[in-house]
Amino acid sequence: MSIRVDSIVEYAASQRVSDIHLVYGLPPKGRIDGQLENLADTPLTDEDCEQVAKELAGDLYPAIKRSGEIDLAKTIAGERIRINLFRQQGHASAVLRILSNKIPKIADLGLPPAVAEFPSFNKGIVLVTGETGSGKSTTLAAILDQINHTRKDHIITLEDPIEYIYKPDLCTINQREIGKDTDSFADALRAVLREDPDIILIGELRDLVTIETALTAAETGHLVFATLHTNSAVDSINRIVGVFPEARQTQIRVELASTLRAILSQQLLVRAGGKGRAAACEVMVVTGAIRAQIREGKDAQMQSSLLSSAKEGSITMDNCLIDMVGKGIITPETALDNCADKEYIQRKMGFGGGFGSGSWR
């Protein structure tokens, strides 16, 4: 078959597809409400896949042969697309994430009320965590866009690749793409503190250098937003500390305790009825007690403090799931499949109310 990427993207967007998979020997597939479905009947040939790779990569096509994969972002058929091109068994493959054309408002995402306070923070670190496809980029875009419309600050983003494109309003915004505008996160971060930022978005805390620079930026009065691929607040703290040699971990805990403002961990779950997805979230708003526990490495106590600090805006993932079941947003089965403590969920099931009604692609 002769494949037109723009036609595939246009059709996929009309079917509420979140991700398009183009793989040799299989028909084009799309993820709808978390499940992969065929978007056409005819399997892709090797020629089809190479044509797609050349069209999407353009001048970067030779890089796929050298490195085996590349990340980039483009606008195709009027849709903003995040693209990963890679090779498997000698054939080119592509996964295309369809991003929203419009940056949503925080209130439209069904996030916990505490998240609405994030754009008002003046300094410190805010982490948004979760597995791939959990909506981290969308949440951060909504937060930064609110800052853009309410504050007169300088925002610098370091992204790989750039996903949402901001239209500067009250803020001055510089979006830097790794591999295009700068060689690496490390290089960009070394320069960022000389670029007079107020707010810094780091696409991912990948390594020691990135984390160290993020801590330094927060300590020197900047507001830093960053992502991690972790599933809970406590796991996120341990992941950051664990990147450093043991001899440095005590000092890193001290620095993290003094700069961390909040952690939002999220996952997207299929709604009851099977149509659409909703965000389930854990929020840790860092209190004085939690700061002391971060410094001292008292993980069990930290989890207890998260449970007992609801008035500050914190909520555990399991309590969020219970709220969502109570409102009929997700089924009890979905809650049990995605919780941390099945026995707790089973004991508490039936108690609900709260947030979680936002709409996601």
Protein backbone atom coordinates (compact mmCIF):
# COMPACT_ATOMS: atom_id res chain seq x y z
CA MET A 1 0.00 0.00 0.00
CA SER A 2 1.10 3.59 -0.56
CA ILE A 3 0.77 5.20 2.86
CA ARG A 4 0.05 8.88 3.48
CA VAL A 5 0.99 9.90 6.98
CA ASP A 6 -1.25 12.97 6.95
CA SER A 7 -4.29 10.83 6.05
CA ILE A 8 -3.52 8.35 8.83
CA VAL A 9 -3.12 11.18 11.36
CA GLU A 10 -6.31 12.92 10.23
CA TYR A 11 -8.34 9.70 10.49
CA ALA A 12 -6.75 8.74 13.83
CA ALA A 13 -7.53 12.13 15.35
CA SER A 14 -11.18 11.78 14.29
CA GLN A 15 -11.34 8.42 16.11
CA ARG A 16 -9.94 9.75 19.43
CA VAL A 17 -6.67 7.85 18.94
CA SER A 18 -3.90 8.82 21.37
CA ASP A 19 -1.01 6.93 19.70
CA ILE A 20 -0.45 5.61 16.17
CA HIS A 21 1.76 2.52 15.64
CA LEU A 22 3.26 1.90 12.20
CA VAL A 23 5.05 -1.47 12.14
CA TYR A 24 6.27 -3.69 9.28
CA GLY A 25 3.96 -6.65 8.60
CA LEU A 26 1.02 -5.19 10.56
CA PRO A 27 -1.76 -2.81 9.57
CA PRO A 28 -1.57 0.70 11.02
CA LYS A 29 -2.83 0.59 14.59
CA GLY A 30 -4.13 3.21 17.01
CA ARG A 31 -4.56 3.27 20.77
CA ILE A 32 -8.14 4.13 21.68
CA ASP A 33 -8.99 4.30 25.40
CA GLY A 34 -5.84 2.35 26.16
CA GLN A 35 -6.39 -0.49 23.64
CA LEU A 36 -4.68 -0.96 20.25
CA GLU A 37 -7.13 -1.19 17.34
CA ASN A 38 -6.56 -1.54 13.58
CA LEU A 39 -6.84 1.74 11.64
CA ALA A 40 -6.70 -0.04 8.25
CA ASP A 41 -6.83 -3.61 6.93
CA THR A 42 -3.68 -3.91 4.82
CA PRO A 43 -0.32 -4.74 6.50
CA LEU A 44 2.54 -2.30 5.98
CA THR A 45 5.41 -3.36 3.73
CA ASP A 46 9.08 -2.60 4.32
CA GLU A 47 8.82 0.02 1.57
CA ASP A 48 5.85 1.63 3.36
CA CYS A 49 7.77 1.84 6.62
CA GLU A 50 10.87 3.33 5.01
CA GLN A 51 8.71 5.87 3.17
CA VAL A 52 7.12 6.88 6.50
CA ALA A 53 10.51 7.18 8.20
CA LYS A 54 11.93 9.35 5.41
CA GLU A 55 8.85 11.58 5.35
CA LEU A 56 8.78 12.08 9.11
CA ALA A 57 12.54 12.38 9.71
CA GLY A 58 13.46 14.53 6.71
CA ASP A 59 17.11 15.59 7.05
CA LEU A 60 17.40 13.49 10.23
CA TYR A 61 16.72 10.23 8.36
CA PRO A 62 20.43 9.21 8.27
CA ALA A 63 20.46 9.43 12.08
CA ILE A 64 18.08 6.46 12.29
CA LYS A 65 20.68 4.34 10.52
CA ARG A 66 23.43 5.53 12.88
CA SER A 67 21.69 5.45 16.24
CA GLY A 68 18.66 3.24 15.65
CA GLU A 69 16.11 5.78 16.93
CA ILE A 70 15.25 9.46 16.98
CA ASP A 71 12.67 11.65 18.73
CA LEU A 72 11.07 14.68 17.13
CA ALA A 73 7.81 16.63 17.01
CA LYS A 74 5.88 18.05 14.07
CA THR A 75 2.51 19.42 13.06
CA ILE A 76 0.81 16.99 10.65
CA ALA A 77 -2.71 17.41 9.24
CA GLY A 78 -3.25 20.21 11.73
CA GLU A 79 -2.31 18.03 14.72
CA ARG A 80 0.74 18.47 16.93
CA ILE A 81 2.54 15.10 16.92
CA ARG A 82 5.34 13.69 19.07
CA ILE A 83 7.23 11.11 17.02
CA ASN A 84 9.61 8.29 17.85
CA LEU A 85 11.23 6.56 14.88
CA PHE A 86 13.22 3.38 15.48
CA ARG A 87 14.43 0.17 13.87
CA GLN A 88 13.38 -3.36 14.81
CA GLN A 89 14.56 -6.50 13.03
CA GLY A 90 16.00 -4.31 10.28
CA HIS A 91 12.75 -2.47 9.55
CA ALA A 92 11.72 1.10 10.31
CA SER A 93 8.90 1.56 12.82
CA ALA A 94 7.13 4.67 14.09
CA VAL A 95 5.01 5.60 17.07
CA LEU A 96 3.16 8.93 16.83
CA ARG A 97 1.59 10.53 19.91
CA ILE A 98 -1.26 12.91 19.00
CA LEU A 99 -1.13 15.94 21.27
CA SER A 100 -3.96 18.33 21.92
CA ASN A 101 -3.99 21.31 19.54
CA LYS A 102 -5.01 23.53 22.43
CA ILE A 103 -3.31 23.72 25.80
CA PRO A 104 -6.06 22.83 28.30
CA LYS A 105 -6.87 24.76 31.44
CA ILE A 106 -5.95 23.15 34.75
CA ALA A 107 -9.62 23.14 35.76
CA ASP A 108 -10.52 21.04 32.71
CA LEU A 109 -8.18 18.15 33.55
CA GLY A 110 -9.91 16.82 36.66
CA LEU A 111 -6.79 17.24 38.77
CA PRO A 112 -6.76 17.59 42.58
CA PRO A 113 -7.51 21.11 43.87
CA ALA A 114 -3.93 21.53 45.17
CA VAL A 115 -2.62 21.60 41.58
CA ALA A 116 -4.41 24.90 40.99
CA GLU A 117 -1.96 26.45 43.47
CA PHE A 118 1.18 25.34 41.58
CA PRO A 119 1.23 28.33 39.18
CA SER A 120 1.42 30.70 42.16
CA PHE A 121 4.63 29.17 43.56
CA ASN A 122 7.63 31.53 43.39
CA LYS A 123 10.48 29.07 43.91
CA GLY A 124 11.30 25.44 44.62
CA ILE A 125 10.81 22.17 42.74
CA VAL A 126 7.52 20.65 41.60
CA LEU A 127 7.63 17.10 40.20
CA VAL A 128 5.01 15.61 37.90
CA THR A 129 5.48 11.85 37.69
CA GLY A 130 3.93 8.79 36.08
CA GLU A 131 4.49 6.22 33.40
CA THR A 132 4.69 7.07 29.70
CA GLY A 133 1.29 8.22 28.45
CA SER A 134 0.00 9.26 31.86
CA GLY A 135 -0.58 12.89 30.87
CA LYS A 136 2.47 14.51 32.49
CA SER A 137 3.20 16.78 29.53
CA THR A 138 -0.40 17.95 29.33
CA THR A 139 -0.51 18.78 33.04
CA LEU A 140 2.73 20.75 32.87
CA ALA A 141 1.57 22.59 29.76
CA ALA A 142 -1.62 23.65 31.57
CA ILE A 143 0.38 24.88 34.58
CA LEU A 144 2.89 26.85 32.48
CA ASP A 145 0.15 28.30 30.29
CA GLN A 146 -1.64 29.64 33.36
CA ILE A 147 1.63 31.22 34.51
CA ASN A 148 2.01 32.70 31.02
CA HIS A 149 -1.36 34.44 31.33
CA THR A 150 -1.05 35.62 34.94
CA ARG A 151 2.60 36.51 35.65
CA LYS A 152 5.33 38.63 34.07
CA ASP A 153 8.19 36.14 34.21
CA HIS A 154 10.78 34.48 31.98
CA ILE A 155 10.04 30.81 31.29
CA ILE A 156 12.70 28.52 29.78
CA THR A 157 11.75 24.98 28.79
CA LEU A 158 14.23 22.20 28.02
CA GLU A 159 12.39 19.50 26.10
CA ASP A 160 13.13 16.35 24.09
CA PRO A 161 11.24 17.00 21.86
CA ILE A 162 9.13 20.16 22.17
CA GLU A 163 5.52 19.04 22.45
CA TYR A 164 3.17 21.92 23.25
CA ILE A 165 4.05 25.29 21.71
CA TYR A 166 3.28 28.30 23.92
CA LYS A 167 2.18 31.66 22.61
CA PRO A 168 3.84 34.23 24.91
CA ASP A 169 1.36 36.50 26.69
CA LEU A 170 2.55 38.21 29.87
CA CYS A 171 5.62 35.96 30.05
CA THR A 172 8.70 35.79 27.88
CA ILE A 173 9.07 32.14 26.83
CA ASN A 174 12.08 30.34 25.35
CA GLN A 175 11.56 26.69 24.36
CA ARG A 176 14.78 24.78 23.72
CA GLU A 177 14.74 21.38 22.03
CA ILE A 178 17.44 18.86 22.89
CA GLY A 179 19.36 17.79 19.78
CA LYS A 180 18.15 20.81 17.81
CA ASP A 181 18.68 23.95 19.88
CA THR A 182 21.27 22.39 22.21
CA ASP A 183 23.26 19.17 22.25
CA SER A 184 22.04 17.75 25.55
CA PHE A 185 20.15 18.40 28.78
CA ALA A 186 23.51 18.74 30.52
CA ASP A 187 24.68 21.46 28.11
CA ALA A 188 21.38 23.32 28.29
CA LEU A 189 21.29 23.17 32.07
CA ARG A 190 24.82 24.49 32.38
CA ALA A 191 23.71 27.56 30.46
CA VAL A 192 20.20 28.03 31.81
CA LEU A 193 21.14 29.87 35.01
CA ARG A 194 22.95 32.49 32.89
CA GLU A 195 19.79 33.13 30.85
CA ASP A 196 17.92 35.03 33.59
CA PRO A 197 15.06 32.57 34.05
CA ASP A 198 12.32 32.79 36.65
CA ILE A 199 10.76 29.43 35.79
CA ILE A 200 12.50 26.39 34.31
CA LEU A 201 10.83 23.31 32.85
CA ILE A 202 13.07 20.25 32.60
CA GLY A 203 11.50 17.63 30.36
CA GLU A 204 12.90 14.75 32.40
CA LEU A 205 15.26 14.34 35.37
CA ARG A 206 17.37 11.70 33.65
CA ASP A 207 20.71 11.67 35.45
CA LEU A 208 22.86 13.03 38.25
CA VAL A 209 23.92 16.18 36.40
CA THR A 210 20.34 17.11 35.51
CA ILE A 211 19.07 16.53 39.05
CA GLU A 212 22.01 18.39 40.60
CA THR A 213 21.43 21.43 38.38
CA ALA A 214 17.69 21.38 39.12
CA LEU A 215 18.43 21.44 42.87
CA THR A 216 20.91 24.28 42.40
CA ALA A 217 18.36 26.28 40.38
CA ALA A 218 15.72 25.81 43.06
CA GLU A 219 18.16 26.72 45.84
CA THR A 220 19.01 29.97 44.05
CA GLY A 221 15.37 31.11 43.98
CA HIS A 222 14.01 29.69 40.73
CA LEU A 223 10.81 27.73 40.24
CA VAL A 224 11.61 24.37 38.61
CA PHE A 225 9.10 21.94 37.08
CA ALA A 226 10.31 18.49 36.04
CA THR A 227 9.08 14.97 35.29
CA LEU A 228 10.08 11.52 36.49
CA HIS A 229 8.93 8.05 35.45
CA THR A 230 7.82 7.02 38.95
CA ASN A 231 4.42 6.04 40.28
CA SER A 232 4.27 7.62 43.74
CA ALA A 233 5.61 10.54 45.75
CA VAL A 234 7.80 8.42 48.01
CA ASP A 235 9.20 6.49 45.02
CA SER A 236 10.07 9.81 43.36
CA ILE A 237 12.11 10.99 46.33
CA ASN A 238 13.94 7.68 46.53
CA ARG A 239 14.65 7.71 42.78
CA ILE A 240 16.27 11.16 43.01
CA VAL A 241 18.33 10.31 46.07
CA GLY A 242 19.34 6.92 44.65
CA VAL A 243 20.96 8.48 41.57
CA PHE A 244 23.75 9.85 43.78
CA PRO A 245 26.63 7.93 45.38
CA GLU A 246 25.91 6.84 48.95
CA ALA A 247 28.40 9.35 50.34
CA ARG A 248 26.36 12.22 48.89
CA GLN A 249 22.85 10.99 49.63
CA THR A 250 22.52 12.64 53.04
CA GLN A 251 23.36 16.05 51.57
CA ILE A 252 20.99 15.49 48.62
CA ARG A 253 18.19 14.69 51.06
CA VAL A 254 18.88 17.98 52.84
CA GLU A 255 18.81 19.91 49.56
CA LEU A 256 15.66 18.14 48.37
CA ALA A 257 13.91 18.76 51.70
CA SER A 258 14.63 22.47 51.47
CA THR A 259 13.51 22.91 47.83
CA LEU A 260 10.73 20.40 47.11
CA ARG A 261 7.25 22.00 47.07
CA ALA A 262 5.00 19.24 45.75
CA ILE A 263 4.85 15.96 43.85
CA LEU A 264 1.95 15.07 41.56
CA SER A 265 1.86 11.41 40.44
CA GLN A 266 -0.77 10.55 37.86
CA GLN A 267 -2.16 7.80 35.67
CA LEU A 268 -4.88 7.85 33.01
CA LEU A 269 -7.62 5.25 33.50
CA VAL A 270 -10.45 4.12 31.26
CA ARG A 271 -13.76 5.61 32.34
CA ALA A 272 -16.68 3.47 33.41
CA GLY A 273 -18.46 2.53 30.19
CA GLY A 274 -15.18 2.28 28.27
CA LYS A 275 -15.23 5.67 26.52
CA GLY A 276 -12.50 8.18 27.29
CA ARG A 277 -9.98 8.35 30.12
CA ALA A 278 -9.73 10.25 33.39
CA ALA A 279 -6.76 11.25 35.53
CA ALA A 280 -6.18 9.49 38.84
CA CYS A 281 -3.68 11.38 40.98
CA GLU A 282 -1.58 11.28 44.09
CA VAL A 283 -0.47 14.64 45.46
CA MET A 284 2.12 15.24 48.14
CA VAL A 285 2.15 18.85 49.29
CA VAL A 286 5.39 19.14 51.23
CA THR A 287 4.75 20.14 54.85
CA GLY A 288 7.21 20.73 57.68
CA ALA A 289 6.76 17.14 58.86
CA ILE A 290 7.41 15.76 55.37
CA ARG A 291 10.53 17.93 55.00
CA ALA A 292 11.95 16.41 58.19
CA GLN A 293 11.12 12.90 56.95
CA ILE A 294 12.79 13.54 53.58
CA ARG A 295 15.96 14.68 55.39
CA GLU A 296 15.93 11.64 57.65
CA GLY A 297 14.91 9.07 55.03
CA LYS A 298 11.79 7.97 56.96
CA ASP A 299 9.73 6.62 54.08
CA ALA A 300 7.05 4.86 56.13
CA GLN A 301 6.39 7.98 58.16
CA MET A 302 6.32 10.05 54.97
CA GLN A 303 3.49 7.89 53.63
CA SER A 304 1.59 8.35 56.90
CA SER A 305 2.09 12.12 56.72
CA LEU A 306 0.72 12.11 53.18
CA LEU A 307 -2.40 10.34 54.47
CA SER A 308 -2.87 12.77 57.33
CA SER A 309 -2.27 16.03 55.42
CA ALA A 310 -5.48 16.19 53.39
CA LYS A 311 -6.20 19.71 54.66
CA GLU A 312 -2.98 20.88 52.96
CA GLY A 313 -4.17 19.36 49.69
CA SER A 314 -2.42 15.98 49.76
CA ILE A 315 -4.18 12.79 48.64
CA THR A 316 -2.95 9.24 48.09
CA MET A 317 -3.53 7.43 44.81
CA ASP A 318 -5.73 4.86 46.55
CA ASN A 319 -7.97 7.50 48.12
CA CYS A 320 -8.26 9.21 44.74
CA LEU A 321 -9.36 5.91 43.18
CA ILE A 322 -11.99 5.48 45.90
CA ASP A 323 -13.29 9.01 45.17
CA MET A 324 -13.50 8.23 41.46
CA VAL A 325 -15.40 4.97 42.03
CA GLY A 326 -17.82 6.79 44.34
CA LYS A 327 -18.55 9.33 41.58
CA GLY A 328 -18.99 6.60 38.96
CA ILE A 329 -16.00 7.84 36.94
CA ILE A 330 -14.22 4.46 36.98
CA THR A 331 -15.35 0.96 37.92
CA PRO A 332 -14.30 -0.83 41.14
CA GLU A 333 -12.40 -3.29 38.95
CA THR A 334 -10.34 -0.49 37.40
CA ALA A 335 -9.56 0.87 40.86
CA LEU A 336 -8.37 -2.54 42.05
CA ASP A 337 -6.23 -3.03 38.94
CA ASN A 338 -4.44 0.30 39.48
CA CYS A 339 -4.18 0.70 43.26
CA ALA A 340 -1.25 0.26 45.64
CA ASP A 341 -3.17 -1.57 48.40
CA LYS A 342 -6.02 -3.83 47.25
CA GLU A 343 -7.13 -4.66 50.79
CA TYR A 344 -7.45 -0.96 51.65
CA ILE A 345 -9.47 -0.30 48.50
CA GLN A 346 -11.78 -3.24 49.21
CA ARG A 347 -12.40 -2.06 52.79
CA LYS A 348 -13.13 1.51 51.74
CA MET A 349 -14.96 0.92 48.45
CA GLY A 350 -18.19 2.80 48.21
CA PHE A 351 -16.99 6.05 49.79
CA GLY A 352 -16.64 8.74 47.11
CA GLY A 353 -16.91 12.30 46.06
CA GLY A 354 -14.20 14.75 45.14
CA PHE A 355 -12.41 15.42 41.90
CA GLY A 356 -11.47 13.32 38.90
CA SER A 357 -14.00 14.27 36.23
CA GLY A 358 -11.66 15.92 33.73
CA SER A 359 -11.62 14.91 30.07
CA TRP A 360 -8.52 13.56 28.33
CA ARG A 361 -7.87 12.47 24.78
